Amino acid sequence: IGAVRGIDPETGHYFDDTKRYIEASKILSDADRAQIYEGNARRVFPRLDAALKAQGR
């Protein structure tokens, strides 16, 4: 759960559930999705990025 702690009563999805939009996008490639998920995580968590790079990943 992110910034908005509520569920849309019409859809049953959390208001801030953006993953479903990314997954449903027809214009994003698998590489784009990987960059969004992994790339953002590595940028936000630099120690994770460093640990993964040390493992060759």
PDB file of N, CA and C in Angstrom:
ATOM      1  N   ILE A   1       0.855  -1.176   0.000  1.00  0.00           N
ATOM      2  CA  ILE A   1       0.000   0.000   0.000  1.00  0.00           C
ATOM      3  C   ILE A   1       0.895   1.231   0.000  1.00  0.00           C
ATOM      4  N   GLY A   2       0.567   2.153  -0.853  1.00  0.00           N
ATOM      5  CA  GLY A   2       1.365   3.369  -0.972  1.00  0.00           C
ATOM      6  C   GLY A   2       0.748   4.540  -0.247  1.00  0.00           C
ATOM      7  N   ALA A   3       0.694   5.655  -0.912  1.00  0.00           N
ATOM      8  CA  ALA A   3       0.243   6.902  -0.297  1.00  0.00           C
ATOM      9  C   ALA A   3      -1.260   6.931  -0.052  1.00  0.00           C
ATOM     10  N   VAL A   4      -2.014   6.242  -0.878  1.00  0.00           N
ATOM     11  CA  VAL A   4      -3.474   6.270  -0.749  1.00  0.00           C
ATOM     12  C   VAL A   4      -3.915   4.938  -0.168  1.00  0.00           C
ATOM     13  N   ARG A   5      -4.490   4.968   1.004  1.00  0.00           N
ATOM     14  CA  ARG A   5      -4.857   3.740   1.692  1.00  0.00           C
ATOM     15  C   ARG A   5      -6.341   3.439   1.537  1.00  0.00           C
ATOM     16  N   GLY A   6      -6.757   3.286   0.325  1.00  0.00           N
ATOM     17  CA  GLY A   6      -8.160   2.983   0.102  1.00  0.00           C
ATOM     18  C   GLY A   6      -8.348   2.122  -1.127  1.00  0.00           C
ATOM     19  N   ILE A   7      -9.458   1.430  -1.139  1.00  0.00           N
ATOM     20  CA  ILE A   7      -9.802   0.572  -2.267  1.00  0.00           C
ATOM     21  C   ILE A   7     -10.960   1.205  -3.019  1.00  0.00           C
ATOM     22  N   ASP A   8     -10.832   1.241  -4.322  1.00  0.00           N
ATOM     23  CA  ASP A   8     -11.887   1.770  -5.180  1.00  0.00           C
ATOM     24  C   ASP A   8     -13.062   0.799  -5.125  1.00  0.00           C
ATOM     25  N   PRO A   9     -14.209   1.224  -4.626  1.00  0.00           N
ATOM     26  CA  PRO A   9     -15.344   0.311  -4.504  1.00  0.00           C
ATOM     27  C   PRO A   9     -15.879  -0.166  -5.851  1.00  0.00           C
ATOM     28  N   GLU A  10     -15.591   0.570  -6.905  1.00  0.00           N
ATOM     29  CA  GLU A  10     -16.076   0.172  -8.229  1.00  0.00           C
ATOM     30  C   GLU A  10     -15.222  -0.919  -8.860  1.00  0.00           C
ATOM     31  N   THR A  11     -13.911  -0.912  -8.571  1.00  0.00           N
ATOM     32  CA  THR A  11     -13.011  -1.879  -9.207  1.00  0.00           C
ATOM     33  C   THR A  11     -12.471  -2.928  -8.246  1.00  0.00           C
ATOM     34  N   GLY A  12     -12.447  -2.600  -6.957  1.00  0.00           N
ATOM     35  CA  GLY A  12     -11.855  -3.501  -5.976  1.00  0.00           C
ATOM     36  C   GLY A  12     -10.343  -3.401  -5.899  1.00  0.00           C
ATOM     37  N   HIS A  13      -9.751  -2.474  -6.654  1.00  0.00           N
ATOM     38  CA  HIS A  13      -8.297  -2.278  -6.650  1.00  0.00           C
ATOM     39  C   HIS A  13      -7.940  -1.107  -5.740  1.00  0.00           C
ATOM     40  N   TYR A  14      -6.732  -1.180  -5.163  1.00  0.00           N
ATOM     41  CA  TYR A  14      -6.240  -0.031  -4.411  1.00  0.00           C
ATOM     42  C   TYR A  14      -6.122   1.160  -5.351  1.00  0.00           C
ATOM     43  N   PHE A  15      -6.420   2.334  -4.852  1.00  0.00           N
ATOM     44  CA  PHE A  15      -6.361   3.538  -5.678  1.00  0.00           C
ATOM     45  C   PHE A  15      -4.974   3.772  -6.261  1.00  0.00           C
ATOM     46  N   ASP A  16      -3.922   3.389  -5.531  1.00  0.00           N
ATOM     47  CA  ASP A  16      -2.563   3.666  -6.000  1.00  0.00           C
ATOM     48  C   ASP A  16      -1.886   2.444  -6.630  1.00  0.00           C
ATOM     49  N   ASP A  17      -2.665   1.480  -7.074  1.00  0.00           N
ATOM     50  CA  ASP A  17      -2.115   0.283  -7.714  1.00  0.00           C
ATOM     51  C   ASP A  17      -1.757   0.601  -9.161  1.00  0.00           C
ATOM     52  N   THR A  18      -0.506   0.990  -9.375  1.00  0.00           N
ATOM     53  CA  THR A  18      -0.086   1.353 -10.732  1.00  0.00           C
ATOM     54  C   THR A  18       0.474   0.164 -11.510  1.00  0.00           C
ATOM     55  N   LYS A  19       0.812  -0.923 -10.802  1.00  0.00           N
ATOM     56  CA  LYS A  19       1.378  -2.084 -11.500  1.00  0.00           C
ATOM     57  C   LYS A  19       0.421  -2.602 -12.558  1.00  0.00           C
ATOM     58  N   ARG A  20      -0.858  -2.596 -12.273  1.00  0.00           N
ATOM     59  CA  ARG A  20      -1.814  -3.126 -13.249  1.00  0.00           C
ATOM     60  C   ARG A  20      -1.830  -2.294 -14.528  1.00  0.00           C
ATOM     61  N   TYR A  21      -1.581  -1.010 -14.414  1.00  0.00           N
ATOM     62  CA  TYR A  21      -1.529  -0.169 -15.616  1.00  0.00           C
ATOM     63  C   TYR A  21      -0.268  -0.455 -16.427  1.00  0.00           C
ATOM     64  N   ILE A  22       0.838  -0.663 -15.724  1.00  0.00           N
ATOM     65  CA  ILE A  22       2.093  -0.980 -16.409  1.00  0.00           C
ATOM     66  C   ILE A  22       1.971  -2.319 -17.125  1.00  0.00           C
ATOM     67  N   GLU A  23       1.407  -3.308 -16.446  1.00  0.00           N
ATOM     68  CA  GLU A  23       1.253  -4.635 -17.041  1.00  0.00           C
ATOM     69  C   GLU A  23       0.295  -4.620 -18.229  1.00  0.00           C
ATOM     70  N   ALA A  24      -0.726  -3.797 -18.179  1.00  0.00           N
ATOM     71  CA  ALA A  24      -1.730  -3.762 -19.247  1.00  0.00           C
ATOM     72  C   ALA A  24      -1.313  -2.900 -20.437  1.00  0.00           C
ATOM     73  N   SER A  25      -0.252  -2.121 -20.272  1.00  0.00           N
ATOM     74  CA  SER A  25       0.173  -1.218 -21.338  1.00  0.00           C
ATOM     75  C   SER A  25       0.577  -1.990 -22.583  1.00  0.00           C
ATOM     76  N   LYS A  26       0.100  -1.539 -23.703  1.00  0.00           N
ATOM     77  CA  LYS A  26       0.433  -2.165 -24.980  1.00  0.00           C
ATOM     78  C   LYS A  26       1.643  -1.496 -25.640  1.00  0.00           C
ATOM     79  N   ILE A  27       2.090  -0.370 -25.093  1.00  0.00           N
ATOM     80  CA  ILE A  27       3.214   0.342 -25.706  1.00  0.00           C
ATOM     81  C   ILE A  27       4.546   0.053 -25.025  1.00  0.00           C
ATOM     82  N   LEU A  28       4.519  -0.591 -23.850  1.00  0.00           N
ATOM     83  CA  LEU A  28       5.759  -0.893 -23.140  1.00  0.00           C
ATOM     84  C   LEU A  28       6.277  -2.267 -23.542  1.00  0.00           C
ATOM     85  N   SER A  29       7.565  -2.348 -23.777  1.00  0.00           N
ATOM     86  CA  SER A  29       8.194  -3.641 -24.051  1.00  0.00           C
ATOM     87  C   SER A  29       8.560  -4.302 -22.721  1.00  0.00           C
ATOM     88  N   ASP A  30       8.983  -5.558 -22.787  1.00  0.00           N
ATOM     89  CA  ASP A  30       9.443  -6.233 -21.574  1.00  0.00           C
ATOM     90  C   ASP A  30      10.649  -5.501 -20.986  1.00  0.00           C
ATOM     91  N   ALA A  31      11.505  -4.986 -21.851  1.00  0.00           N
ATOM     92  CA  ALA A  31      12.670  -4.224 -21.381  1.00  0.00           C
ATOM     93  C   ALA A  31      12.232  -2.939 -20.678  1.00  0.00           C
ATOM     94  N   ASP A  32      11.200  -2.291 -21.207  1.00  0.00           N
ATOM     95  CA  ASP A  32      10.667  -1.088 -20.562  1.00  0.00           C
ATOM     96  C   ASP A  32      10.142  -1.421 -19.170  1.00  0.00           C
ATOM     97  N   ARG A  33       9.400  -2.516 -19.076  1.00  0.00           N
ATOM     98  CA  ARG A  33       8.843  -2.924 -17.778  1.00  0.00           C
ATOM     99  C   ARG A  33       9.965  -3.248 -16.790  1.00  0.00           C
ATOM    100  N   ALA A  34      10.988  -3.934 -17.256  1.00  0.00           N
ATOM    101  CA  ALA A  34      12.120  -4.256 -16.385  1.00  0.00           C
ATOM    102  C   ALA A  34      12.788  -2.983 -15.886  1.00  0.00           C
ATOM    103  N   GLN A  35      12.924  -2.009 -16.763  1.00  0.00           N
ATOM    104  CA  GLN A  35      13.536  -0.742 -16.358  1.00  0.00           C
ATOM    105  C   GLN A  35      12.668  -0.027 -15.329  1.00  0.00           C
ATOM    106  N   ILE A  36      11.369  -0.070 -15.522  1.00  0.00           N
ATOM    107  CA  ILE A  36      10.464   0.579 -14.573  1.00  0.00           C
ATOM    108  C   ILE A  36      10.569  -0.088 -13.208  1.00  0.00           C
ATOM    109  N   TYR A  37      10.476  -1.413 -13.174  1.00  0.00           N
ATOM    110  CA  TYR A  37      10.501  -2.121 -11.890  1.00  0.00           C
ATOM    111  C   TYR A  37      11.902  -2.185 -11.291  1.00  0.00           C
ATOM    112  N   GLU A  38      12.824  -2.815 -11.990  1.00  0.00           N
ATOM    113  CA  GLU A  38      14.165  -3.006 -11.450  1.00  0.00           C
ATOM    114  C   GLU A  38      14.965  -1.712 -11.458  1.00  0.00           C
ATOM    115  N   GLY A  39      14.874  -0.974 -12.541  1.00  0.00           N
ATOM    116  CA  GLY A  39      15.632   0.269 -12.641  1.00  0.00           C
ATOM    117  C   GLY A  39      15.267   1.255 -11.545  1.00  0.00           C
ATOM    118  N   ASN A  40      13.985   1.403 -11.293  1.00  0.00           N
ATOM    119  CA  ASN A  40      13.552   2.313 -10.234  1.00  0.00           C
ATOM    120  C   ASN A  40      14.009   1.820  -8.866  1.00  0.00           C
ATOM    121  N   ALA A  41      13.889   0.512  -8.627  1.00  0.00           N
ATOM    122  CA  ALA A  41      14.309  -0.037  -7.334  1.00  0.00           C
ATOM    123  C   ALA A  41      15.804   0.179  -7.113  1.00  0.00           C
ATOM    124  N   ARG A  42      16.592  -0.038  -8.143  1.00  0.00           N
ATOM    125  CA  ARG A  42      18.039   0.152  -8.009  1.00  0.00           C
ATOM    126  C   ARG A  42      18.395   1.619  -7.768  1.00  0.00           C
ATOM    127  N   ARG A  43      17.642   2.512  -8.361  1.00  0.00           N
ATOM    128  CA  ARG A  43      17.909   3.942  -8.170  1.00  0.00           C
ATOM    129  C   ARG A  43      17.510   4.381  -6.761  1.00  0.00           C
ATOM    130  N   VAL A  44      16.404   3.860  -6.265  1.00  0.00           N
ATOM    131  CA  VAL A  44      15.911   4.247  -4.938  1.00  0.00           C
ATOM    132  C   VAL A  44      16.735   3.594  -3.828  1.00  0.00           C
ATOM    133  N   PHE A  45      17.226   2.378  -4.088  1.00  0.00           N
ATOM    134  CA  PHE A  45      17.983   1.629  -3.081  1.00  0.00           C
ATOM    135  C   PHE A  45      19.401   1.359  -3.595  1.00  0.00           C
ATOM    136  N   PRO A  46      20.275   2.352  -3.509  1.00  0.00           N
ATOM    137  CA  PRO A  46      21.616   2.207  -4.081  1.00  0.00           C
ATOM    138  C   PRO A  46      22.439   1.085  -3.443  1.00  0.00           C
ATOM    139  N   ARG A  47      22.213   0.778  -2.174  1.00  0.00           N
ATOM    140  CA  ARG A  47      22.966  -0.331  -1.568  1.00  0.00           C
ATOM    141  C   ARG A  47      22.533  -1.663  -2.162  1.00  0.00           C
ATOM    142  N   LEU A  48      21.250  -1.798  -2.485  1.00  0.00           N
ATOM    143  CA  LEU A  48      20.774  -3.001  -3.169  1.00  0.00           C
ATOM    144  C   LEU A  48      21.444  -3.109  -4.532  1.00  0.00           C
ATOM    145  N   ASP A  49      21.489  -1.998  -5.244  1.00  0.00           N
ATOM    146  CA  ASP A  49      22.137  -1.977  -6.557  1.00  0.00           C
ATOM    147  C   ASP A  49      23.593  -2.409  -6.436  1.00  0.00           C
ATOM    148  N   ALA A  50      24.297  -1.884  -5.449  1.00  0.00           N
ATOM    149  CA  ALA A  50      25.708  -2.233  -5.260  1.00  0.00           C
ATOM    150  C   ALA A  50      25.867  -3.718  -4.935  1.00  0.00           C
ATOM    151  N   ALA A  51      24.991  -4.247  -4.087  1.00  0.00           N
ATOM    152  CA  ALA A  51      25.068  -5.667  -3.723  1.00  0.00           C
ATOM    153  C   ALA A  51      24.798  -6.553  -4.935  1.00  0.00           C
ATOM    154  N   LEU A  52      23.825  -6.189  -5.742  1.00  0.00           N
ATOM    155  CA  LEU A  52      23.514  -6.972  -6.936  1.00  0.00           C
ATOM    156  C   LEU A  52      24.649  -6.896  -7.953  1.00  0.00           C
ATOM    157  N   LYS A  53      25.218  -5.708  -8.114  1.00  0.00           N
ATOM    158  CA  LYS A  53      26.353  -5.561  -9.036  1.00  0.00           C
ATOM    159  C   LYS A  53      27.541  -6.398  -8.573  1.00  0.00           C
ATOM    160  N   ALA A  54      27.758  -6.473  -7.256  1.00  0.00           N
ATOM    161  CA  ALA A  54      28.854  -7.276  -6.716  1.00  0.00           C
ATOM    162  C   ALA A  54      28.646  -8.760  -7.015  1.00  0.00           C
ATOM    163  N   GLN A  55      27.395  -9.157  -7.170  1.00  0.00           N
ATOM    164  CA  GLN A  55      27.061 -10.548  -7.514  1.00  0.00           C
ATOM    165  C   GLN A  55      27.030 -10.764  -9.026  1.00  0.00           C
ATOM    166  N   GLY A  56      27.294  -9.710  -9.768  1.00  0.00           N
ATOM    167  CA  GLY A  56      27.284  -9.812 -11.222  1.00  0.00           C
ATOM    168  C   GLY A  56      25.896  -9.753 -11.826  1.00  0.00           C
ATOM    169  N   ARG A  57      24.961  -9.161 -11.080  1.00  0.00           N
ATOM    170  CA  ARG A  57      23.585  -9.055 -11.591  1.00  0.00           C
ATOM    171  C   ARG A  57      23.187  -7.616 -11.771  1.00  0.00           C
TER     172      ARG A  57
END
